[in-house]
C-alpha atoms as a PDB file:
ATOM      1  CA  MET A   1      35.156 103.589-253.128  1.00  0.00           C
ATOM      2  CA  SER A   2      38.910 103.293-252.818  1.00  0.00           C
ATOM      3  CA  ASN A   3      40.936 100.810-250.781  1.00  0.00           C
ATOM      4  CA  ILE A   4      43.786 101.775-248.504  1.00  0.00           C
ATOM      5  CA  ASN A   5      46.099  99.374-246.786  1.00  0.00           C
ATOM      6  CA  ILE A   6      47.097 100.017-243.188  1.00  0.00           C
ATOM      7  CA  SER A   7      49.314  98.224-240.678  1.00  0.00           C
ATOM      8  CA  ILE A   8      47.880  97.414-237.306  1.00  0.00           C
ATOM      9  CA  LYS A   9      49.083  95.370-234.292  1.00  0.00           C
ATOM     10  CA  ASP A  10      47.977  91.779-233.961  1.00  0.00           C
ATOM     11  CA  GLU A  11      46.016  92.708-230.881  1.00  0.00           C
ATOM     12  CA  ALA A  12      44.045  95.332-232.848  1.00  0.00           C
ATOM     13  CA  TYR A  13      43.470  92.881-235.693  1.00  0.00           C
ATOM     14  CA  GLN A  14      42.111  90.252-233.292  1.00  0.00           C
ATOM     15  CA  PHE A  15      39.812  92.838-231.738  1.00  0.00           C
ATOM     16  CA  LEU A  16      38.410  93.849-235.078  1.00  0.00           C
ATOM     17  CA  GLN A  17      38.129  90.246-236.216  1.00  0.00           C
ATOM     18  CA  SER A  18      36.104  89.364-233.082  1.00  0.00           C
ATOM     19  CA  HIS A  19      33.633  92.161-233.799  1.00  0.00           C
ATOM     20  CA  LYS A  20      33.458  91.592-237.558  1.00  0.00           C
ATOM     21  CA  GLY A  21      31.623  88.275-237.774  1.00  0.00           C
ATOM     22  CA  ASN A  22      30.958  86.803-241.244  1.00  0.00           C
ATOM     23  CA  LYS A  23      28.740  89.476-242.740  1.00  0.00           C
ATOM     24  CA  LYS A  24      30.686  92.662-241.969  1.00  0.00           C
ATOM     25  CA  SER A  25      33.870  94.107-243.360  1.00  0.00           C
ATOM     26  CA  PHE A  26      36.618  95.599-241.224  1.00  0.00           C
ATOM     27  CA  SER A  27      35.532  99.006-242.559  1.00  0.00           C
ATOM     28  CA  ASP A  28      31.970  98.327-241.289  1.00  0.00           C
ATOM     29  CA  VAL A  29      33.282  97.594-237.807  1.00  0.00           C
ATOM     30  CA  ILE A  30      35.484 100.697-237.715  1.00  0.00           C
ATOM     31  CA  LEU A  31      32.610 102.884-238.932  1.00  0.00           C
ATOM     32  CA  GLU A  32      30.276 101.409-236.311  1.00  0.00           C
ATOM     33  CA  PHE A  33      32.771 102.426-233.636  1.00  0.00           C
ATOM     34  CA  LYS A  34      32.950 105.882-235.120  1.00  0.00           C
ATOM     35  CA  GLU A  35      29.141 106.205-235.005  1.00  0.00           C
ATOM     36  CA  TRP A  36      29.090 104.864-231.438  1.00  0.00           C
ATOM     37  CA  GLU A  37      31.687 107.369-230.323  1.00  0.00           C
ATOM     38  CA  GLN A  38      29.762 110.287-231.868  1.00  0.00           C
ATOM     39  CA  SER A  39      26.469 109.181-230.278  1.00  0.00           C
ATOM     40  CA  ARG A  40      28.212 108.680-226.923  1.00  0.00           C
ATOM     41  CA  ASP A  41      29.282 112.316-226.910  1.00  0.00           C
ATOM     42  CA  ILE A  42      25.640 113.371-227.074  1.00  0.00           C
ATOM     43  CA  VAL A  43      24.306 110.707-224.700  1.00  0.00           C
ATOM     44  CA  ARG A  44      26.561 111.730-221.884  1.00  0.00           C
ATOM     45  CA  PHE A  45      24.539 114.946-221.577  1.00  0.00           C
ATOM     46  CA  PHE A  46      21.118 113.216-221.292  1.00  0.00           C
ATOM     47  CA  GLY A  47      19.553 113.924-217.953  1.00  0.00           C
ATOM     48  CA  ILE A  48      22.191 116.425-216.919  1.00  0.00           C
ATOM     49  CA  LEU A  49      19.608 119.147-216.238  1.00  0.00           C
ATOM     50  CA  LYS A  50      16.894 117.030-214.650  1.00  0.00           C
ATOM     51  CA  ASN A  51      17.511 118.394-211.166  1.00  0.00           C
ATOM     52  CA  VAL A  52      17.493 122.048-212.156  1.00  0.00           C
ATOM     53  CA  ASP A  53      14.806 124.227-210.517  1.00  0.00           C
ATOM     54  CA  TRP A  54      13.621 126.005-213.675  1.00  0.00           C
ATOM     55  CA  LYS A  55      11.469 128.586-211.875  1.00  0.00           C
ATOM     56  CA  LYS A  56      14.422 129.610-209.785  1.00  0.00           C
ATOM     57  CA  ARG A  57      16.717 129.636-212.836  1.00  0.00           C
ATOM     58  CA  LYS A  58      14.219 131.807-214.758  1.00  0.00           C
ATOM     59  CA  ALA A  59      13.889 134.266-211.850  1.00  0.00           C
ATOM     60  CA  SER A  60      17.669 134.454-211.586  1.00  0.00           C
ATOM     61  CA  MET A  61      18.015 135.173-215.271  1.00  0.00           C
ATOM     62  CA  SER A  62      15.335 137.843-215.137  1.00  0.00           C
ATOM     63  CA  GLU A  63      17.147 139.532-212.265  1.00  0.00           C
ATOM     64  CA  LEU A  64      20.424 139.374-214.157  1.00  0.00           C
ATOM     65  CA  ARG A  65      18.806 140.979-217.248  1.00  0.00           C
ATOM     66  CA  LYS A  66      17.205 143.632-215.107  1.00  0.00           C
ATOM     67  CA  GLU A  67      20.559 144.550-213.493  1.00  0.00           C
ATOM     68  CA  PHE A  68      22.240 144.620-216.857  1.00  0.00           C
ATOM     69  CA  GLU A  69      19.662 146.963-218.383  1.00  0.00           C
ATOM     70  CA  GLU A  70      19.881 149.302-215.351  1.00  0.00           C
ATOM     71  CA  ARG A  71      23.646 149.656-215.958  1.00  0.00           C
ATOM     72  CA  LEU A  72      23.038 150.693-219.560  1.00  0.00           C
END
């Protein structure tokens, strides 16, 4: 593992410091935010299709396929 020095604003440092606690490193805090951001991308889609009428959707897709095959 290598170390890299970066410059951040005091406000950013205070924010990281407040989330760090005694047992975590700054890298741990940053990586936790990275994992949270990635999981949030997936979570925003949970439940998005709960109000879909799947029988109607299936019938619509069948009709679309039928029309497509008739054109060929």
